[in-house]
Each structure stands twice: as structure tokens, then as C-alpha cells.
């Protein structure tokens, strides 16, 4: 099930992308957008044979100008820049410490294929089906499921899971340092309307046309009082907007193999304030209301930004800054995705004098170079 002309793979990284060798059978037909975090003078090496464009911080500053302030620095939240510059209908994003997992039969799991299946089949957020995803082969709607709801709604997000290293917060890492996830649950389910979830960005796909402008991973990392809440922040925003607009969010299959446990003490420093703040943030999202006039993702997101500034700034001034960054993000998204906008033209190791990518003209114009 190849959608090479309709899907981009977005990867945030600070290192060489040797992990792509394991993914080569699955990823090679697709275009990669690599967002290099940290030092822009560092050369990131990509294995031969992949079609890609690579952006570092210099590229982000050049393309967005003052609006680059909304893109996090020294944090994997920078991946959302890749969402912004893509022009494809679907996005799959994965971390560079994630590898191909095996199913119980020992076969390699094509995570990308399963995400595509999830996104191309409807979701059922309004009524729970006890056989999970009724659109899978061998399943259907159970007795008592309303026929009026069986058509389902478009799926905006496919949230995959992980074997081996669980996605735990720092306190849980500290008390369960050796715990590993070995359970393969062969199930996909729609998260019900009105229910939030902790979204993980390491194995995630979404329909950019349906929900793209809401996939903003916030202000995290360098210069910010919080980290490791970027994907969760995006998930809360996305779920509220998906519920409002009538889209679905699925979670479960596919699994990837998460190979590295990050340092729990480092993580605790990043998460410390978030652990306390989330006890007020989550009730805010549970109670937030969007107006009937908000009929696009952008309109919904701008309303949400105003409510973040109005309701959450009492927790900490950071949320005023975050709300303003949300507005800047939407402005930048609109600028780069206007029908007359030119392709941004990321560079290949530009800081070391490398050539520009296949995407061609940028600001200032540079001659395009075809990348295999």
C-alpha cells in the first residue's frame, strides 16, 4: 500500500541517521523531511539512496524570519517545522531511536503500512465498539451498535505504540528502571469523543489536510521552563479540535521497537513543572469550548490560543508566551501553505557549504539540486 506521492516522513534528530538502514525496505519509496536540532554546524549524515531534504536552525530562521521564534530549539518539538513545510496529505513522524519491531510470529512490522490503514479507514468516536476497530478484516459492528453511526467519521490521527522501552515520565522511570513492554496487543481503537489522551510523537501519523495546523508541539527546550510535554500538548489541542470538527483519533497498532531509555534525572529536570501544571492543564482542556463559528482547524486553534492565554496564564507567565507562539505558528503555517507560496528550500548540511535540497528556491533564491 504505497502512497509515496501523498505522504512525507518527518524525523527530528541530532545525530547521523544510521537507524534508517533497518527501515529501508519500508521508507525508501517515501520522501523524508529531516529537522536537525541543536548545533546547525554539525553535519548530519543520511544513508545513501533516500530522497530527503534537511533543515537546520539556520534554515528555519531564514525561512520563517521573526516567526521562527515559535519553533522550539534543542528539543524534538522542532519536528513540527517539518509538518509545516510538507506539502503532502499525510505525515508519519518517528524518532531516531525507534526501530522495526516484530509481531508475535516473528515477522517485521511495517508500521507505516498500518498507519496508512488506520488513516484510510473511518473512526468511531461517538459510540464504543467492543470489537475495537470494526473496519478491520474479521471484525464488524457488534449487536446493538446504532446503524446511523456505522459510517463513521474521517480519521485525523493514528497513534502507534512501542515495544521494549515504555514511554514513561521521569518518576515512573525512576521506580521502574528495568520495566519493558513485551505485550503485543493486536488491536486498534478509536478514542471516544470528549476523552483526552497522552499523545507520543515517536510513532505517529496524521492527515495533514484534516488536522495539520493543530499539530504544533509548543515551546519547549532551550529557554523554556518545560520540556517533554511537546507531543502531549499537541495531542490535547488536536483532540479538542478533532472532537469539535467531527474527526476521529485512533490508537493501538502499529508497534515500533523503542531502543533507548532517556536519562530519568535529566527528564525530571525537564518535566518537573509540567508534572504539577498538568493537573490544571488537563481540566482546562476537558472544559474548553470552541464556538460554532470556528469551522476550520486554524479558526479553532486561534480560539484555543486565546483561551490558553486567558485561562492558563494564571498558572505561569509561560502560558501567555505559549499562547502567543500558537498564534505565530498559525500565521507561519498560513504563509508557507498559501496557494501562491514557494517551496521553502531546506538545505543539505548548509552550514558546511552543502547544496540546497530538491525543494528548490528559497529566500534568497538558490539553484535546486536533485537529491537521489
Protein backbone atom coordinates (compact mmCIF):
# COMPACT_ATOMS: atom_id res chain seq x y z
CA UNK A 1 0.00 0.00 0.00
CA UNK A 2 2.28 2.76 -1.25
CA UNK A 3 1.29 6.42 -1.01
CA UNK A 4 4.67 7.82 -1.93
CA UNK A 5 3.20 10.89 -3.61
CA UNK A 6 0.88 11.63 -0.70
CA UNK A 7 2.99 11.04 2.42
CA UNK A 8 6.13 12.56 3.95
CA UNK A 9 8.17 11.07 6.80
CA UNK A 10 9.34 13.68 9.32
CA UNK A 11 12.33 12.89 11.56
CA UNK A 12 13.84 15.19 14.23
CA UNK A 13 17.45 14.37 15.01
CA UNK A 14 20.78 15.46 16.49
CA UNK A 15 22.80 12.54 15.09
CA UNK A 16 23.57 10.55 11.96
CA UNK A 17 20.56 8.63 10.71
CA UNK A 18 22.02 5.13 10.59
CA UNK A 19 18.75 3.82 12.02
CA UNK A 20 17.22 4.29 8.57
CA UNK A 21 19.05 1.20 7.31
CA UNK A 22 16.65 -1.02 9.24
CA UNK A 23 13.69 0.94 7.88
CA UNK A 24 14.97 0.98 4.28
CA UNK A 25 12.51 -1.67 2.93
CA UNK A 26 9.59 0.41 4.23
CA UNK A 27 10.78 4.03 3.99
CA UNK A 28 12.81 4.17 0.79
CA UNK A 29 9.84 4.90 -1.53
CA UNK A 30 8.93 7.96 0.55
CA UNK A 31 10.27 11.48 0.87
CA UNK A 32 11.96 12.30 4.19
CA UNK A 33 11.93 15.69 5.88
CA UNK A 34 14.73 15.77 8.46
CA UNK A 35 14.75 18.53 11.06
CA UNK A 36 18.19 18.84 12.62
CA UNK A 37 18.06 20.01 16.22
CA UNK A 38 20.85 21.76 18.10
CA UNK A 39 24.14 22.88 16.55
CA UNK A 40 23.49 23.80 12.89
CA UNK A 41 27.20 23.48 12.03
CA UNK A 42 27.15 19.76 12.77
CA UNK A 43 26.96 17.58 9.66
CA UNK A 44 24.18 15.00 9.85
CA UNK A 45 24.80 12.02 7.58
CA UNK A 46 21.90 10.27 5.86
CA UNK A 47 22.38 6.81 4.33
CA UNK A 48 22.60 6.73 0.55
CA UNK A 49 19.52 6.05 -1.53
CA UNK A 50 16.94 8.05 0.44
CA UNK A 51 15.08 11.01 -1.05
CA UNK A 52 15.25 13.73 1.58
CA UNK A 53 15.51 17.38 2.49
CA UNK A 54 17.25 18.51 5.66
CA UNK A 55 16.61 21.68 7.66
CA UNK A 56 18.77 23.01 10.48
CA UNK A 57 18.22 26.03 12.72
CA UNK A 58 19.77 28.39 10.20
CA UNK A 59 17.28 27.21 7.58
CA UNK A 60 14.36 27.64 9.97
CA UNK A 61 15.45 31.19 10.81
CA UNK A 62 15.95 32.01 7.13
CA UNK A 63 12.59 30.63 6.04
CA UNK A 64 10.41 31.92 8.89
CA UNK A 65 12.29 35.07 9.86
CA UNK A 66 10.90 36.51 13.14
CA UNK A 67 8.23 33.81 13.16
CA UNK A 68 10.97 31.22 13.78
CA UNK A 69 10.52 32.07 17.47
CA UNK A 70 7.59 29.64 17.57
CA UNK A 71 9.80 26.63 16.71
CA UNK A 72 11.49 25.02 19.72
CA UNK A 73 15.26 24.75 19.90
CA UNK A 74 17.18 21.85 21.46
CA UNK A 75 14.03 19.78 21.73
CA UNK A 76 12.38 17.21 19.48
CA UNK A 77 9.41 19.60 19.28
CA UNK A 78 11.29 21.10 16.34
CA UNK A 79 9.76 18.29 14.28
CA UNK A 80 6.63 20.38 13.75
CA UNK A 81 8.60 22.58 11.38
CA UNK A 82 8.67 19.54 9.10
CA UNK A 83 4.88 19.35 9.31
CA UNK A 84 4.67 22.98 8.26
CA UNK A 85 6.91 22.75 5.18
CA UNK A 86 5.49 19.47 3.89
CA UNK A 87 3.03 19.67 1.05
CA UNK A 88 1.72 16.11 1.35
CA UNK A 89 -1.68 14.93 2.59
CA UNK A 90 -0.28 12.54 5.20
CA UNK A 91 2.60 12.76 7.66
CA UNK A 92 4.37 9.98 9.53
CA UNK A 93 6.83 11.05 12.22
CA UNK A 94 9.26 8.80 14.07
CA UNK A 95 12.18 9.27 16.46
CA UNK A 96 15.71 8.20 15.53
CA UNK A 97 15.91 5.70 18.39
CA UNK A 98 12.98 3.67 17.09
CA UNK A 99 13.46 0.50 15.09
CA UNK A 100 11.41 -2.13 13.29
CA UNK A 101 9.51 -4.32 15.76
CA UNK A 102 8.43 -7.91 15.22
CA UNK A 103 4.94 -9.31 15.65
CA UNK A 104 4.31 -12.50 17.69
CA UNK A 105 5.03 -14.62 14.59
CA UNK A 106 8.49 -13.08 14.26
CA UNK A 107 7.69 -11.07 11.13
CA UNK A 108 8.85 -7.48 10.74
CA UNK A 109 6.09 -4.93 11.35
CA UNK A 110 5.57 -2.43 8.56
CA UNK A 111 4.49 0.40 10.86
CA UNK A 112 3.94 2.82 8.01
CA UNK A 113 1.52 0.48 6.24
CA UNK A 114 -0.56 0.05 9.40
CA UNK A 115 -0.70 3.80 9.99
CA UNK A 116 -1.96 4.28 6.44
CA UNK A 117 -4.64 1.64 7.00
CA UNK A 118 -5.71 3.44 10.17
CA UNK A 119 -5.91 6.82 8.44
CA UNK A 120 -7.75 5.50 5.38
CA UNK A 121 -10.48 3.76 7.39
CA UNK A 122 -13.18 5.62 9.34
CA UNK A 123 -13.14 6.21 13.09
CA UNK A 124 -15.99 5.76 15.57
CA UNK A 125 -15.70 8.38 18.34
CA UNK A 126 -19.42 8.57 19.17
CA UNK A 127 -20.15 5.00 20.23
CA UNK A 128 -17.75 2.36 21.54
CA UNK A 129 -17.47 -0.88 19.57
CA UNK A 130 -16.42 -3.73 21.87
CA UNK A 131 -14.59 -5.47 19.00
CA UNK A 132 -12.37 -2.37 18.73
CA UNK A 133 -11.91 -1.28 15.11
CA UNK A 134 -14.95 -2.64 13.23
CA UNK A 135 -13.37 -1.91 9.84
CA UNK A 136 -10.55 -4.44 10.24
CA UNK A 137 -10.82 -7.78 8.40
CA UNK A 138 -12.52 -10.30 10.65
CA UNK A 139 -14.35 -7.68 12.71
CA UNK A 140 -17.60 -5.77 12.41
CA UNK A 141 -20.04 -3.74 14.45
CA UNK A 142 -21.48 -5.70 17.35
CA UNK A 143 -25.17 -6.20 18.09
CA UNK A 144 -26.67 -3.01 19.46
CA UNK A 145 -24.37 -0.63 17.63
CA UNK A 146 -26.54 2.11 16.06
CA UNK A 147 -26.77 1.73 12.30
CA UNK A 148 -26.87 5.51 11.94
CA UNK A 149 -23.30 5.71 13.29
CA UNK A 150 -21.73 2.83 11.35
CA UNK A 151 -20.46 5.01 8.53
CA UNK A 152 -18.03 6.56 10.99
CA UNK A 153 -16.08 9.80 10.57
CA UNK A 154 -12.74 10.65 8.88
CA UNK A 155 -9.67 9.61 10.86
CA UNK A 156 -7.33 12.53 11.55
CA UNK A 157 -4.69 10.84 13.73
CA UNK A 158 -3.15 7.37 14.01
CA UNK A 159 -1.24 6.98 17.27
CA UNK A 160 1.10 3.98 17.37
CA UNK A 161 2.68 2.25 20.36
CA UNK A 162 6.07 0.81 21.31
CA UNK A 163 7.64 -2.44 22.44
CA UNK A 164 10.66 -2.60 24.75
CA UNK A 165 11.18 0.86 26.38
CA UNK A 166 7.81 2.27 27.54
CA UNK A 167 7.05 5.97 27.17
CA UNK A 168 7.17 6.75 30.88
CA UNK A 169 7.61 10.02 32.74
CA UNK A 170 10.68 10.51 34.92
CA UNK A 171 9.16 9.46 38.29
CA UNK A 172 7.88 6.22 36.78
CA UNK A 173 11.25 5.62 35.09
CA UNK A 174 12.96 6.02 38.46
CA UNK A 175 10.79 3.47 40.26
CA UNK A 176 10.64 1.02 37.32
CA UNK A 177 14.06 1.33 35.64
CA UNK A 178 14.09 -2.22 34.29
CA UNK A 179 10.48 -2.46 33.14
CA UNK A 180 9.95 -3.31 29.47
CA UNK A 181 6.79 -3.54 27.43
CA UNK A 182 6.59 -7.05 25.97
CA UNK A 183 2.85 -7.19 25.37
CA UNK A 184 1.75 -7.10 21.75
CA UNK A 185 -1.95 -6.24 21.73
CA UNK A 186 -3.40 -6.82 18.28
CA UNK A 187 -5.95 -4.03 18.41
CA UNK A 188 -6.78 -0.58 17.08
CA UNK A 189 -9.42 1.54 18.78
CA UNK A 190 -10.97 4.97 18.38
CA UNK A 191 -10.53 7.27 21.37
CA UNK A 192 -14.07 8.38 22.31
CA UNK A 193 -15.27 11.94 21.88
CA UNK A 194 -14.60 14.02 25.00
CA UNK A 195 -11.71 11.83 26.13
CA UNK A 196 -8.16 13.16 26.17
CA UNK A 197 -5.05 11.01 25.81
CA UNK A 198 -1.27 11.38 26.26
CA UNK A 199 0.00 11.55 22.68
CA UNK A 200 3.52 10.30 21.99
CA UNK A 201 5.31 11.73 18.95
CA UNK A 202 7.79 8.90 18.39
CA UNK A 203 5.38 6.74 16.31
CA UNK A 204 2.64 8.96 14.95
CA UNK A 205 0.81 9.61 11.69
CA UNK A 206 -1.87 12.10 10.78
CA UNK A 207 -3.91 13.52 7.96
CA UNK A 208 -2.28 16.88 7.38
CA UNK A 209 -5.23 18.14 5.34
CA UNK A 210 -7.63 17.47 8.21
CA UNK A 211 -5.66 18.42 11.31
CA UNK A 212 -2.20 19.70 10.28
CA UNK A 213 -2.38 23.27 11.66
CA UNK A 214 -3.18 21.90 15.14
CA UNK A 215 -0.06 19.69 15.20
CA UNK A 216 2.03 22.33 16.93
CA UNK A 217 4.38 20.88 19.52
CA UNK A 218 4.61 24.08 21.53
CA UNK A 219 7.54 25.98 23.03
CA UNK A 220 9.90 23.52 24.71
CA UNK A 221 13.59 23.06 25.34
CA UNK A 222 16.16 25.85 25.20
CA UNK A 223 15.00 28.99 27.00
CA UNK A 224 11.72 27.43 28.16
CA UNK A 225 10.76 26.27 31.67
CA UNK A 226 9.48 22.89 30.47
CA UNK A 227 10.33 20.01 28.18
CA UNK A 228 8.99 16.59 27.18
CA UNK A 229 5.42 17.87 27.09
CA UNK A 230 5.55 18.89 23.42
CA UNK A 231 3.73 15.91 21.94
CA UNK A 232 1.25 15.79 24.80
CA UNK A 233 0.41 19.46 24.36
CA UNK A 234 -0.18 18.87 20.66
CA UNK A 235 -2.29 15.82 21.48
CA UNK A 236 -4.57 17.72 23.85
CA UNK A 237 -5.06 20.52 21.33
CA UNK A 238 -5.63 18.11 18.47
CA UNK A 239 -8.16 16.01 20.37
CA UNK A 240 -10.25 19.02 21.41
CA UNK A 241 -10.30 20.30 17.82
CA UNK A 242 -10.93 16.86 16.30
CA UNK A 243 -13.90 16.42 18.64
CA UNK A 244 -15.24 19.83 17.68
CA UNK A 245 -14.89 19.29 13.93
CA UNK A 246 -16.09 15.68 13.92
CA UNK A 247 -12.84 13.79 13.23
CA UNK A 248 -11.51 10.62 14.81
CA UNK A 249 -8.29 9.67 16.61
CA UNK A 250 -7.11 6.04 16.66
CA UNK A 251 -4.55 4.38 18.92
CA UNK A 252 -3.01 0.90 19.12
CA UNK A 253 -1.27 -0.75 16.18
CA UNK A 254 1.34 -0.33 14.82
CA UNK A 255 4.17 -1.08 17.22
CA UNK A 256 7.76 0.04 16.81
CA UNK A 257 10.80 -1.05 18.87
CA UNK A 258 11.91 1.77 21.17
CA UNK A 259 15.57 1.13 21.89
CA UNK A 260 16.82 3.83 24.26
CA UNK A 261 15.65 4.84 27.71
CA UNK A 262 16.45 8.52 28.23
CA UNK A 263 18.05 9.58 31.49
CA UNK A 264 15.35 9.86 34.17
CA UNK A 265 17.23 12.55 36.14
CA UNK A 266 17.62 14.70 33.02
CA UNK A 267 13.98 14.06 32.20
CA UNK A 268 12.89 15.07 35.70
CA UNK A 269 14.53 18.48 35.27
CA UNK A 270 12.62 18.97 32.02
CA UNK A 271 9.30 17.61 33.29
CA UNK A 272 9.31 18.98 36.83
CA UNK A 273 6.98 21.94 36.30
CA UNK A 274 4.83 20.03 33.83
CA UNK A 275 4.10 17.33 36.37
CA UNK A 276 2.44 19.98 38.55
CA UNK A 277 1.00 22.10 35.74
CA UNK A 278 -0.75 19.19 34.03
CA UNK A 279 -3.12 18.85 36.99
CA UNK A 280 -4.60 22.21 35.93
CA UNK A 281 -3.94 21.98 32.19
CA UNK A 282 -5.92 18.79 31.70
CA UNK A 283 -9.10 20.11 33.41
CA UNK A 284 -8.75 23.19 31.18
CA UNK A 285 -8.80 21.06 28.05
CA UNK A 286 -11.63 18.93 29.41
CA UNK A 287 -13.75 22.04 29.87
CA UNK A 288 -12.70 24.11 26.84
CA UNK A 289 -15.45 25.11 24.42
CA UNK A 290 -15.00 26.24 20.82
CA UNK A 291 -17.56 28.41 19.08
CA UNK A 292 -19.88 27.33 16.27
CA UNK A 293 -18.17 29.95 14.13
CA UNK A 294 -14.90 28.00 14.35
CA UNK A 295 -15.26 25.72 11.34
CA UNK A 296 -11.61 25.34 10.27
CA UNK A 297 -8.64 23.99 12.18
CA UNK A 298 -6.99 27.41 12.03
CA UNK A 299 -10.06 29.15 13.49
CA UNK A 300 -10.30 26.53 16.23
CA UNK A 301 -6.62 26.85 17.05
CA UNK A 302 -6.72 30.63 17.30
CA UNK A 303 -9.71 30.41 19.66
CA UNK A 304 -7.83 27.84 21.71
CA UNK A 305 -4.76 30.10 21.83
CA UNK A 306 -6.82 32.95 23.26
CA UNK A 307 -8.28 30.66 25.91
CA UNK A 308 -4.79 29.41 26.81
CA UNK A 309 -3.65 32.98 27.40
CA UNK A 310 -6.83 33.86 29.29
CA UNK A 311 -7.19 30.77 31.49
CA UNK A 312 -3.72 29.23 31.91
CA UNK A 313 -1.57 32.33 32.32
CA UNK A 314 -2.57 32.42 35.98
CA UNK A 315 -0.50 29.24 36.41
CA UNK A 316 2.64 30.80 34.96
CA UNK A 317 3.52 33.62 32.52
CA UNK A 318 4.91 30.90 30.25
CA UNK A 319 1.38 30.20 29.05
CA UNK A 320 0.98 33.77 27.79
CA UNK A 321 4.14 33.24 25.77
CA UNK A 322 2.89 29.83 24.60
CA UNK A 323 -0.48 31.27 23.54
CA UNK A 324 1.27 33.96 21.53
CA UNK A 325 3.51 31.31 19.93
CA UNK A 326 0.39 29.36 18.94
CA UNK A 327 -0.85 32.44 17.06
CA UNK A 328 2.57 32.90 15.43
CA UNK A 329 2.54 29.24 14.39
CA UNK A 330 -0.80 29.67 12.59
CA UNK A 331 0.48 32.83 10.89
CA UNK A 332 3.60 31.00 9.70
CA UNK A 333 1.57 27.97 8.61
CA UNK A 334 -0.69 30.20 6.52
CA UNK A 335 2.27 31.99 4.98
CA UNK A 336 4.07 28.80 3.93
CA UNK A 337 0.91 26.99 2.85
CA UNK A 338 -0.74 29.77 0.88
CA UNK A 339 -1.60 28.56 -2.66
CA UNK A 340 0.95 31.01 -4.11
CA UNK A 341 3.70 30.27 -1.59
CA UNK A 342 7.02 29.00 -2.91
CA UNK A 343 8.62 25.81 -1.60
CA UNK A 344 10.86 26.76 1.33
CA UNK A 345 14.00 25.04 0.06
CA UNK A 346 15.77 23.49 3.01
CA UNK A 347 19.48 22.82 2.74
CA UNK A 348 21.62 19.73 2.94
CA UNK A 349 24.17 20.43 5.66
CA UNK A 350 24.04 24.06 4.56
CA UNK A 351 26.22 25.26 7.40
CA UNK A 352 29.09 23.19 6.00
CA UNK A 353 28.57 24.54 2.50
CA UNK A 354 26.42 21.67 1.19
CA UNK A 355 23.96 22.08 -1.68
CA UNK A 356 20.29 23.02 -1.29
CA UNK A 357 17.67 20.31 -1.41
CA UNK A 358 15.35 19.12 -4.12
CA UNK A 359 12.68 21.56 -2.96
CA UNK A 360 14.43 24.34 -4.84
CA UNK A 361 14.06 28.12 -4.49
CA UNK A 362 14.22 29.65 -1.05
CA UNK A 363 14.67 33.12 0.37
CA UNK A 364 17.13 34.18 -1.04
CA UNK A 365 16.79 32.05 -4.22
CA UNK A 366 19.26 29.21 -4.63
CA UNK A 367 19.58 26.76 -7.54
CA UNK A 368 17.90 23.42 -6.84
CA UNK A 369 19.96 20.25 -6.75
CA UNK A 370 18.32 16.89 -7.27
CA UNK A 371 18.92 14.52 -4.36
CA UNK A 372 18.60 10.77 -5.03
